[in-house]
Amino acid sequence: ASGRIFSDYNMGWFRRVPGKEREFVACISWSGGTTDYADSVKGRF
C-alpha cells in the first residue's frame, strides 16, 4: 500500500471467479489485533 497512512485502514482479501460473485476471504483490523475469515478458508489461510 502507498498514498495514505497504512495503519489508518482495515484491510481485506477477496476473490472472484469469472461468472461468479466476488467472495470475501479474510480481513484484519488496523492494528492487526482482530481478524475474520470465511468458513471456506478458516484453518488454512
All heavy atoms as atom14 arrays in JSON, in Angstrom:
{
  "sequence": "ASGRIFSDYNMGWFRRVPGKEREFVACISWSGGTTDYADSVKGRF",
  "atom14_mask": [
    [1, 1, 1, 1, 1, 0, 0, 0, 0, 0, 0, 0, 0, 0],
    [1, 1, 1, 1, 1, 1, 0, 0, 0, 0, 0, 0, 0, 0],
    [1, 1, 1, 1, 0, 0, 0, 0, 0, 0, 0, 0, 0, 0],
    [1, 1, 1, 1, 1, 1, 1, 1, 1, 1, 1, 0, 0, 0],
    [1, 1, 1, 1, 1, 1, 1, 1, 0, 0, 0, 0, 0, 0],
    [1, 1, 1, 1, 1, 1, 1, 1, 1, 1, 1, 0, 0, 0],
    [1, 1, 1, 1, 1, 1, 0, 0, 0, 0, 0, 0, 0, 0],
    [1, 1, 1, 1, 1, 1, 1, 1, 0, 0, 0, 0, 0, 0],
    [1, 1, 1, 1, 1, 1, 1, 1, 1, 1, 1, 1, 0, 0],
    [1, 1, 1, 1, 1, 1, 1, 1, 0, 0, 0, 0, 0, 0],
    [1, 1, 1, 1, 1, 1, 1, 1, 0, 0, 0, 0, 0, 0],
    [1, 1, 1, 1, 0, 0, 0, 0, 0, 0, 0, 0, 0, 0],
    [1, 1, 1, 1, 1, 1, 1, 1, 1, 1, 1, 1, 1, 1],
    [1, 1, 1, 1, 1, 1, 1, 1, 1, 1, 1, 0, 0, 0],
    [1, 1, 1, 1, 1, 1, 1, 1, 1, 1, 1, 0, 0, 0],
    [1, 1, 1, 1, 1, 1, 1, 1, 1, 1, 1, 0, 0, 0],
    [1, 1, 1, 1, 1, 1, 1, 0, 0, 0, 0, 0, 0, 0],
    [1, 1, 1, 1, 1, 1, 1, 0, 0, 0, 0, 0, 0, 0],
    [1, 1, 1, 1, 0, 0, 0, 0, 0, 0, 0, 0, 0, 0],
    [1, 1, 1, 1, 1, 1, 1, 1, 1, 0, 0, 0, 0, 0],
    [1, 1, 1, 1, 1, 1, 1, 1, 1, 0, 0, 0, 0, 0],
    [1, 1, 1, 1, 1, 1, 1, 1, 1, 1, 1, 0, 0, 0],
    [1, 1, 1, 1, 1, 1, 1, 1, 1, 0, 0, 0, 0, 0],
    [1, 1, 1, 1, 1, 1, 1, 1, 1, 1, 1, 0, 0, 0],
    [1, 1, 1, 1, 1, 1, 1, 0, 0, 0, 0, 0, 0, 0],
    [1, 1, 1, 1, 1, 0, 0, 0, 0, 0, 0, 0, 0, 0],
    [1, 1, 1, 1, 1, 1, 0, 0, 0, 0, 0, 0, 0, 0],
    [1, 1, 1, 1, 1, 1, 1, 1, 0, 0, 0, 0, 0, 0],
    [1, 1, 1, 1, 1, 1, 0, 0, 0, 0, 0, 0, 0, 0],
    [1, 1, 1, 1, 1, 1, 1, 1, 1, 1, 1, 1, 1, 1],
    [1, 1, 1, 1, 1, 1, 0, 0, 0, 0, 0, 0, 0, 0],
    [1, 1, 1, 1, 0, 0, 0, 0, 0, 0, 0, 0, 0, 0],
    [1, 1, 1, 1, 0, 0, 0, 0, 0, 0, 0, 0, 0, 0],
    [1, 1, 1, 1, 1, 1, 1, 0, 0, 0, 0, 0, 0, 0],
    [1, 1, 1, 1, 1, 1, 1, 0, 0, 0, 0, 0, 0, 0],
    [1, 1, 1, 1, 1, 1, 1, 1, 0, 0, 0, 0, 0, 0],
    [1, 1, 1, 1, 1, 1, 1, 1, 1, 1, 1, 1, 0, 0],
    [1, 1, 1, 1, 1, 0, 0, 0, 0, 0, 0, 0, 0, 0],
    [1, 1, 1, 1, 1, 1, 1, 1, 0, 0, 0, 0, 0, 0],
    [1, 1, 1, 1, 1, 1, 0, 0, 0, 0, 0, 0, 0, 0],
    [1, 1, 1, 1, 1, 1, 1, 0, 0, 0, 0, 0, 0, 0],
    [1, 1, 1, 1, 1, 1, 1, 1, 1, 0, 0, 0, 0, 0],
    [1, 1, 1, 1, 0, 0, 0, 0, 0, 0, 0, 0, 0, 0],
    [1, 1, 1, 1, 1, 1, 1, 1, 1, 1, 1, 0, 0, 0],
    [1, 1, 1, 1, 1, 1, 1, 1, 1, 1, 1, 0, 0, 0]
  ],
  "atom14_positions": [
    [[0.82, -1.2, 0.0], [0.0, 0.0, 0.0], [0.86, 1.25, 0.0], [1.95, 1.28, 0.57], [-0.92, 0.01, 1.22], [0.0, 0.0, 0.0], [0.0, 0.0, 0.0], [0.0, 0.0, 0.0], [0.0, 0.0, 0.0], [0.0, 0.0, 0.0], [0.0, 0.0, 0.0], [0.0, 0.0, 0.0], [0.0, 0.0, 0.0], [0.0, 0.0, 0.0]],
    [[0.35, 2.29, -0.64], [1.01, 3.59, -0.63], [-0.04, 4.68, -0.75], [-1.2, 4.42, -1.08], [2.02, 3.7, -1.77], [1.38, 3.6, -3.03], [0.0, 0.0, 0.0], [0.0, 0.0, 0.0], [0.0, 0.0, 0.0], [0.0, 0.0, 0.0], [0.0, 0.0, 0.0], [0.0, 0.0, 0.0], [0.0, 0.0, 0.0], [0.0, 0.0, 0.0]],
    [[0.35, 5.91, -0.46], [-0.52, 7.06, -0.67], [-1.16, 7.62, 0.59], [-1.47, 8.81, 0.65], [0.0, 0.0, 0.0], [0.0, 0.0, 0.0], [0.0, 0.0, 0.0], [0.0, 0.0, 0.0], [0.0, 0.0, 0.0], [0.0, 0.0, 0.0], [0.0, 0.0, 0.0], [0.0, 0.0, 0.0], [0.0, 0.0, 0.0], [0.0, 0.0, 0.0]],
    [[-1.41, 6.79, 1.58], [-2.01, 7.19, 2.85], [-1.31, 6.48, 4.0], [-0.49, 5.59, 3.78], [-3.51, 6.87, 2.88], [-4.34, 7.57, 1.82], [-4.57, 9.02, 2.18], [-5.36, 9.7, 1.16], [-6.69, 9.76, 1.14], [-7.4, 9.16, 2.09], [-7.32, 10.4, 0.17], [0.0, 0.0, 0.0], [0.0, 0.0, 0.0], [0.0, 0.0, 0.0]],
    [[-1.67, 6.87, 5.21], [-1.11, 6.21, 6.39], [-1.75, 4.83, 6.5], [-2.94, 4.69, 6.75], [-1.36, 7.03, 7.65], [-0.68, 8.4, 7.54], [-0.83, 6.28, 8.88], [-1.0, 9.33, 8.69], [0.0, 0.0, 0.0], [0.0, 0.0, 0.0], [0.0, 0.0, 0.0], [0.0, 0.0, 0.0], [0.0, 0.0, 0.0], [0.0, 0.0, 0.0]],
    [[-0.93, 3.79, 6.3], [-1.42, 2.43, 6.21], [-2.16, 2.0, 7.47], [-3.18, 1.3, 7.39], [-0.24, 1.5, 5.92], [-0.62, 0.07, 5.72], [-1.41, -0.31, 4.65], [-0.15, -0.91, 6.58], [-1.75, -1.64, 4.46], [-0.48, -2.23, 6.39], [-1.28, -2.61, 5.33], [0.0, 0.0, 0.0], [0.0, 0.0, 0.0], [0.0, 0.0, 0.0]],
    [[-1.68, 2.4, 8.63], [-2.28, 1.95, 9.88], [-3.66, 2.55, 10.13], [-4.34, 2.14, 11.07], [-1.36, 2.26, 11.06], [-1.11, 3.66, 11.16], [0.0, 0.0, 0.0], [0.0, 0.0, 0.0], [0.0, 0.0, 0.0], [0.0, 0.0, 0.0], [0.0, 0.0, 0.0], [0.0, 0.0, 0.0], [0.0, 0.0, 0.0], [0.0, 0.0, 0.0]],
    [[-4.13, 3.48, 9.3], [-5.48, 4.02, 9.42], [-6.54, 3.1, 8.83], [-7.72, 3.37, 8.97], [-5.59, 5.38, 8.72], [-4.91, 6.5, 9.49], [-4.56, 6.3, 10.67], [-4.75, 7.58, 8.91], [0.0, 0.0, 0.0], [0.0, 0.0, 0.0], [0.0, 0.0, 0.0], [0.0, 0.0, 0.0], [0.0, 0.0, 0.0], [0.0, 0.0, 0.0]],
    [[-6.13, 2.02, 8.16], [-7.06, 1.23, 7.36], [-7.15, -0.21, 7.82], [-6.14, -0.87, 8.09], [-6.62, 1.25, 5.89], [-6.79, 2.6, 5.26], [-5.8, 3.57, 5.37], [-7.96, 2.91, 4.57], [-5.96, 4.82, 4.82], [-8.12, 4.17, 4.01], [-7.13, 5.11, 4.14], [-7.29, 6.36, 3.58], [0.0, 0.0, 0.0], [0.0, 0.0, 0.0]],
    [[-8.39, -0.7, 7.9], [-8.63, -2.13, 7.92], [-8.35, -2.66, 6.51], [-8.57, -1.96, 5.52], [-10.07, -2.45, 8.29], [-10.46, -1.9, 9.65], [-9.68, -1.94, 10.6], [-11.68, -1.39, 9.75], [0.0, 0.0, 0.0], [0.0, 0.0, 0.0], [0.0, 0.0, 0.0], [0.0, 0.0, 0.0], [0.0, 0.0, 0.0], [0.0, 0.0, 0.0]],
    [[-7.9, -3.91, 6.42], [-7.56, -4.49, 5.13], [-8.29, -5.81, 4.94], [-8.46, -6.58, 5.89], [-6.06, -4.72, 5.02], [-5.21, -3.45, 5.16], [-5.49, -2.26, 3.8], [-4.91, -3.22, 2.4], [0.0, 0.0, 0.0], [0.0, 0.0, 0.0], [0.0, 0.0, 0.0], [0.0, 0.0, 0.0], [0.0, 0.0, 0.0], [0.0, 0.0, 0.0]],
    [[-8.68, -6.06, 3.71], [-9.38, -7.29, 3.4], [-8.83, -7.96, 2.15], [-8.21, -7.32, 1.31], [0.0, 0.0, 0.0], [0.0, 0.0, 0.0], [0.0, 0.0, 0.0], [0.0, 0.0, 0.0], [0.0, 0.0, 0.0], [0.0, 0.0, 0.0], [0.0, 0.0, 0.0], [0.0, 0.0, 0.0], [0.0, 0.0, 0.0], [0.0, 0.0, 0.0]],
    [[-9.07, -9.27, 2.06], [-8.81, -10.05, 0.86], [-10.12, -10.62, 0.35], [-10.93, -11.16, 1.13], [-7.83, -11.2, 1.13], [-6.4, -10.79, 1.3], [-5.73, -10.59, 2.45], [-5.46, -10.54, 0.24], [-4.43, -10.23, 2.21], [-4.24, -10.19, 0.85], [-5.53, -10.57, -1.16], [-3.09, -9.88, 0.12], [-4.39, -10.26, -1.89], [-3.2, -9.93, -1.25]],
    [[-10.32, -10.51, -0.96], [-11.48, -11.05, -1.65], [-11.01, -11.85, -2.85], [-9.88, -11.69, -3.3], [-12.42, -9.92, -2.1], [-13.02, -9.13, -0.97], [-12.29, -8.16, -0.32], [-14.32, -9.37, -0.56], [-12.84, -7.43, 0.72], [-14.88, -8.65, 0.47], [-14.14, -7.68, 1.12], [0.0, 0.0, 0.0], [0.0, 0.0, 0.0], [0.0, 0.0, 0.0]],
    [[-11.89, -12.68, -3.38], [-11.54, -13.43, -4.59], [-12.75, -13.54, -5.49], [-13.89, -13.46, -5.05], [-10.98, -14.81, -4.25], [-11.97, -15.76, -3.57], [-11.24, -17.01, -3.1], [-12.15, -17.97, -2.5], [-11.76, -19.09, -1.9], [-10.47, -19.39, -1.82], [-12.66, -19.93, -1.38], [0.0, 0.0, 0.0], [0.0, 0.0, 0.0], [0.0, 0.0, 0.0]],
    [[-12.47, -13.73, -6.79], [-13.54, -13.79, -7.76], [-13.19, -14.77, -8.88], [-12.06, -14.77, -9.38], [-13.8, -12.42, -8.37], [-14.99, -12.39, -9.32], [-15.25, -10.99, -9.84], [-16.35, -10.98, -10.77], [-17.62, -10.82, -10.43], [-17.95, -10.62, -9.15], [-18.56, -10.82, -11.35], [0.0, 0.0, 0.0], [0.0, 0.0, 0.0], [0.0, 0.0, 0.0]],
    [[-14.17, -15.59, -9.25], [-14.09, -16.48, -10.4], [-15.0, -15.89, -11.47], [-16.11, -15.44, -11.16], [-14.53, -17.91, -10.03], [-14.55, -18.8, -11.26], [-13.62, -18.49, -8.96], [0.0, 0.0, 0.0], [0.0, 0.0, 0.0], [0.0, 0.0, 0.0], [0.0, 0.0, 0.0], [0.0, 0.0, 0.0], [0.0, 0.0, 0.0], [0.0, 0.0, 0.0]],
    [[-14.58, -15.87, -12.74], [-15.45, -15.34, -13.79], [-16.82, -15.99, -13.79], [-16.95, -17.21, -13.69], [-14.68, -15.67, -15.08], [-13.26, -15.68, -14.66], [-13.26, -16.26, -13.27], [0.0, 0.0, 0.0], [0.0, 0.0, 0.0], [0.0, 0.0, 0.0], [0.0, 0.0, 0.0], [0.0, 0.0, 0.0], [0.0, 0.0, 0.0], [0.0, 0.0, 0.0]],
    [[-17.86, -15.15, -13.86], [-19.22, -15.63, -13.84], [-19.8, -15.85, -12.47], [-20.98, -16.21, -12.36], [0.0, 0.0, 0.0], [0.0, 0.0, 0.0], [0.0, 0.0, 0.0], [0.0, 0.0, 0.0], [0.0, 0.0, 0.0], [0.0, 0.0, 0.0], [0.0, 0.0, 0.0], [0.0, 0.0, 0.0], [0.0, 0.0, 0.0], [0.0, 0.0, 0.0]],
    [[-19.02, -15.65, -11.41], [-19.49, -15.81, -10.05], [-19.31, -14.52, -9.27], [-18.54, -13.64, -9.66], [-18.75, -16.94, -9.35], [-18.93, -18.3, -10.0], [-18.21, -19.39, -9.22], [-18.85, -19.62, -7.86], [-18.2, -20.74, -7.12], [0.0, 0.0, 0.0], [0.0, 0.0, 0.0], [0.0, 0.0, 0.0], [0.0, 0.0, 0.0], [0.0, 0.0, 0.0]],
    [[-20.03, -14.41, -8.17], [-19.95, -13.23, -7.33], [-18.61, -13.16, -6.6], [-18.01, -14.18, -6.28], [-21.1, -13.21, -6.32], [-22.47, -13.1, -6.94], [-23.58, -13.1, -5.91], [-23.29, -13.21, -4.7], [-24.75, -12.98, -6.31], [0.0, 0.0, 0.0], [0.0, 0.0, 0.0], [0.0, 0.0, 0.0], [0.0, 0.0, 0.0], [0.0, 0.0, 0.0]],
    [[-18.18, -11.94, -6.33], [-17.0, -11.74, -5.51], [-17.22, -12.33, -4.12], [-18.29, -12.18, -3.52], [-16.7, -10.25, -5.42], [-15.48, -9.88, -4.61], [-15.25, -8.38, -4.7], [-16.41, -7.62, -4.27], [-16.6, -6.34, -4.54], [-15.71, -5.67, -5.26], [-17.69, -5.72, -4.1], [0.0, 0.0, 0.0], [0.0, 0.0, 0.0], [0.0, 0.0, 0.0]],
    [[-16.2, -12.97, -3.59], [-16.3, -13.69, -2.34], [-15.33, -13.13, -1.31], [-14.14, -12.93, -1.59], [-16.0, -15.18, -2.56], [-16.04, -16.04, -1.31], [-15.6, -17.47, -1.56], [-14.97, -17.72, -2.6], [-15.89, -18.33, -0.71], [0.0, 0.0, 0.0], [0.0, 0.0, 0.0], [0.0, 0.0, 0.0], [0.0, 0.0, 0.0], [0.0, 0.0, 0.0]],
    [[-15.82, -12.89, -0.12], [-14.98, -12.48, 0.99], [-14.07, -13.63, 1.39], [-14.49, -14.79, 1.45], [-15.85, -12.07, 2.18], [-15.1, -11.93, 3.48], [-14.33, -10.82, 3.74], [-15.17, -12.93, 4.44], [-13.64, -10.69, 4.93], [-14.49, -12.82, 5.63], [-13.72, -11.69, 5.87], [0.0, 0.0, 0.0], [0.0, 0.0, 0.0], [0.0, 0.0, 0.0]],
    [[-12.81, -13.32, 1.68], [-11.84, -14.32, 2.11], [-11.39, -14.08, 3.54], [-11.5, -14.96, 4.39], [-10.62, -14.35, 1.17], [-9.57, -15.34, 1.69], [-11.04, -14.7, -0.24], [0.0, 0.0, 0.0], [0.0, 0.0, 0.0], [0.0, 0.0, 0.0], [0.0, 0.0, 0.0], [0.0, 0.0, 0.0], [0.0, 0.0, 0.0], [0.0, 0.0, 0.0]],
    [[-10.88, -12.88, 3.82], [-10.35, -12.59, 5.15], [-10.19, -11.08, 5.3], [-10.11, -10.35, 4.32], [-8.99, -13.27, 5.38], [0.0, 0.0, 0.0], [0.0, 0.0, 0.0], [0.0, 0.0, 0.0], [0.0, 0.0, 0.0], [0.0, 0.0, 0.0], [0.0, 0.0, 0.0], [0.0, 0.0, 0.0], [0.0, 0.0, 0.0], [0.0, 0.0, 0.0]],
    [[-10.14, -10.62, 6.55], [-9.86, -9.21, 6.81], [-9.12, -9.08, 8.12], [-9.11, -10.01, 8.94], [-11.14, -8.36, 6.8], [-12.4, -8.86, 7.97], [0.0, 0.0, 0.0], [0.0, 0.0, 0.0], [0.0, 0.0, 0.0], [0.0, 0.0, 0.0], [0.0, 0.0, 0.0], [0.0, 0.0, 0.0], [0.0, 0.0, 0.0], [0.0, 0.0, 0.0]],
    [[-8.51, -7.92, 8.32], [-7.7, -7.67, 9.5], [-7.85, -6.21, 9.9], [-7.92, -5.32, 9.06], [-6.23, -8.05, 9.23], [-5.39, -7.96, 10.5], [-5.64, -7.18, 8.12], [-4.01, -8.62, 10.35], [0.0, 0.0, 0.0], [0.0, 0.0, 0.0], [0.0, 0.0, 0.0], [0.0, 0.0, 0.0], [0.0, 0.0, 0.0], [0.0, 0.0, 0.0]],
    [[-7.91, -5.97, 11.21], [-8.09, -4.62, 11.72], [-6.83, -3.79, 11.53], [-5.74, -4.3, 11.23], [-8.47, -4.65, 13.2], [-7.42, -5.21, 13.98], [0.0, 0.0, 0.0], [0.0, 0.0, 0.0], [0.0, 0.0, 0.0], [0.0, 0.0, 0.0], [0.0, 0.0, 0.0], [0.0, 0.0, 0.0], [0.0, 0.0, 0.0], [0.0, 0.0, 0.0]],
    [[-6.98, -2.48, 11.73], [-5.87, -1.55, 11.5], [-4.63, -1.9, 12.32], [-3.5, -1.7, 11.88], [-6.31, -0.12, 11.81], [-6.6, 0.12, 13.27], [-7.8, -0.07, 13.91], [-5.69, 0.57, 14.26], [-7.68, 0.23, 15.24], [-6.39, 0.63, 15.48], [-4.34, 0.94, 14.24], [-5.79, 1.04, 16.68], [-3.74, 1.35, 15.43], [-4.46, 1.4, 16.63]],
    [[-4.84, -2.42, 13.53], [-3.74, -2.75, 14.41], [-3.23, -4.17, 14.22], [-2.17, -4.52, 14.75], [-4.17, -2.57, 15.86], [-5.16, -3.52, 16.21], [0.0, 0.0, 0.0], [0.0, 0.0, 0.0], [0.0, 0.0, 0.0], [0.0, 0.0, 0.0], [0.0, 0.0, 0.0], [0.0, 0.0, 0.0], [0.0, 0.0, 0.0], [0.0, 0.0, 0.0]],
    [[-3.98, -4.99, 13.5], [-3.66, -6.39, 13.38], [-4.18, -7.25, 14.5], [-3.97, -8.47, 14.5], [0.0, 0.0, 0.0], [0.0, 0.0, 0.0], [0.0, 0.0, 0.0], [0.0, 0.0, 0.0], [0.0, 0.0, 0.0], [0.0, 0.0, 0.0], [0.0, 0.0, 0.0], [0.0, 0.0, 0.0], [0.0, 0.0, 0.0], [0.0, 0.0, 0.0]],
    [[-4.89, -6.64, 15.46], [-5.35, -7.37, 16.63], [-6.59, -8.2, 16.43], [-6.88, -9.07, 17.25], [0.0, 0.0, 0.0], [0.0, 0.0, 0.0], [0.0, 0.0, 0.0], [0.0, 0.0, 0.0], [0.0, 0.0, 0.0], [0.0, 0.0, 0.0], [0.0, 0.0, 0.0], [0.0, 0.0, 0.0], [0.0, 0.0, 0.0], [0.0, 0.0, 0.0]],
    [[-7.34, -7.94, 15.36], [-8.58, -8.66, 15.09], [-8.58, -9.15, 13.66], [-8.21, -8.4, 12.75], [-9.8, -7.76, 15.33], [-9.77, -7.23, 16.65], [-11.09, -8.55, 15.14], [0.0, 0.0, 0.0], [0.0, 0.0, 0.0], [0.0, 0.0, 0.0], [0.0, 0.0, 0.0], [0.0, 0.0, 0.0], [0.0, 0.0, 0.0], [0.0, 0.0, 0.0]],
    [[-8.98, -10.4, 13.45], [-9.09, -10.97, 12.12], [-10.42, -11.68, 11.96], [-11.09, -12.03, 12.94], [-7.95, -11.96, 11.83], [-7.97, -13.01, 12.8], [-6.6, -11.27, 11.87], [0.0, 0.0, 0.0], [0.0, 0.0, 0.0], [0.0, 0.0, 0.0], [0.0, 0.0, 0.0], [0.0, 0.0, 0.0], [0.0, 0.0, 0.0], [0.0, 0.0, 0.0]],
    [[-10.81, -11.89, 10.71], [-12.03, -12.61, 10.38], [-11.78, -13.39, 9.1], [-11.06, -12.91, 8.21], [-13.2, -11.64, 10.21], [-14.54, -12.33, 10.11], [-14.69, -13.45, 10.62], [-15.47, -11.72, 9.52], [0.0, 0.0, 0.0], [0.0, 0.0, 0.0], [0.0, 0.0, 0.0], [0.0, 0.0, 0.0], [0.0, 0.0, 0.0], [0.0, 0.0, 0.0]],
    [[-12.37, -14.59, 9.0], [-12.15, -15.46, 7.86], [-13.46, -16.06, 7.37], [-14.36, -16.36, 8.16], [-11.22, -16.62, 8.22], [-9.83, -16.21, 8.63], [-9.51, -15.97, 9.95], [-8.82, -16.08, 7.67], [-8.23, -15.59, 10.32], [-7.55, -15.71, 8.03], [-7.25, -15.47, 9.35], [-5.97, -15.1, 9.72], [0.0, 0.0, 0.0], [0.0, 0.0, 0.0]],
    [[-13.54, -16.24, 6.06], [-14.63, -17.03, 5.51], [-14.49, -18.48, 5.98], [-13.38, -18.99, 6.15], [-14.61, -16.97, 3.99], [0.0, 0.0, 0.0], [0.0, 0.0, 0.0], [0.0, 0.0, 0.0], [0.0, 0.0, 0.0], [0.0, 0.0, 0.0], [0.0, 0.0, 0.0], [0.0, 0.0, 0.0], [0.0, 0.0, 0.0], [0.0, 0.0, 0.0]],
    [[-15.64, -19.14, 6.18], [-15.61, -20.52, 6.64], [-14.83, -21.42, 5.68], [-14.19, -22.39, 6.11], [-17.03, -21.06, 6.81], [-17.75, -20.45, 7.99], [-17.08, -19.89, 8.89], [-18.98, -20.55, 8.04], [0.0, 0.0, 0.0], [0.0, 0.0, 0.0], [0.0, 0.0, 0.0], [0.0, 0.0, 0.0], [0.0, 0.0, 0.0], [0.0, 0.0, 0.0]],
    [[-14.87, -21.12, 4.4], [-14.23, -21.96, 3.41], [-12.7, -21.97, 3.5], [-12.06, -22.89, 2.99], [-14.64, -21.53, 2.0], [-14.28, -20.19, 1.75], [0.0, 0.0, 0.0], [0.0, 0.0, 0.0], [0.0, 0.0, 0.0], [0.0, 0.0, 0.0], [0.0, 0.0, 0.0], [0.0, 0.0, 0.0], [0.0, 0.0, 0.0], [0.0, 0.0, 0.0]],
    [[-12.12, -20.96, 4.15], [-10.67, -20.87, 4.25], [-10.17, -20.94, 5.68], [-8.95, -21.02, 5.9], [-10.13, -19.6, 3.57], [-10.64, -19.49, 2.14], [-10.5, -18.34, 4.37], [0.0, 0.0, 0.0], [0.0, 0.0, 0.0], [0.0, 0.0, 0.0], [0.0, 0.0, 0.0], [0.0, 0.0, 0.0], [0.0, 0.0, 0.0], [0.0, 0.0, 0.0]],
    [[-11.05, -20.91, 6.65], [-10.66, -20.91, 8.06], [-9.84, -22.14, 8.38], [-10.21, -23.26, 8.03], [-11.9, -20.82, 8.94], [-11.62, -20.49, 10.39], [-12.92, -20.23, 11.15], [-13.66, -19.02, 10.6], [-14.89, -18.71, 11.37], [0.0, 0.0, 0.0], [0.0, 0.0, 0.0], [0.0, 0.0, 0.0], [0.0, 0.0, 0.0], [0.0, 0.0, 0.0]],
    [[-8.73, -21.93, 9.05], [-7.83, -23.02, 9.39], [-6.77, -23.29, 8.34], [-5.8, -24.01, 8.63], [0.0, 0.0, 0.0], [0.0, 0.0, 0.0], [0.0, 0.0, 0.0], [0.0, 0.0, 0.0], [0.0, 0.0, 0.0], [0.0, 0.0, 0.0], [0.0, 0.0, 0.0], [0.0, 0.0, 0.0], [0.0, 0.0, 0.0], [0.0, 0.0, 0.0]],
    [[-6.94, -22.75, 7.14], [-5.97, -22.94, 6.06], [-5.26, -21.65, 5.68], [-4.09, -21.68, 5.33], [-6.66, -23.51, 4.82], [-7.32, -24.86, 5.04], [-7.81, -25.45, 3.73], [-8.84, -24.61, 3.1], [-8.72, -24.05, 1.9], [-7.62, -24.25, 1.18], [-9.7, -23.31, 1.4], [0.0, 0.0, 0.0], [0.0, 0.0, 0.0], [0.0, 0.0, 0.0]],
    [[-5.97, -20.53, 5.74], [-5.42, -19.23, 5.36], [-5.16, -18.4, 6.6], [-5.9, -18.49, 7.59], [-6.38, -18.46, 4.45], [-6.56, -19.03, 3.08], [-6.08, -20.28, 2.72], [-7.23, -18.29, 2.11], [-6.26, -20.79, 1.45], [-7.42, -18.78, 0.84], [-6.94, -20.03, 0.5], [0.0, 0.0, 0.0], [0.0, 0.0, 0.0], [0.0, 0.0, 0.0]]
  ]
}
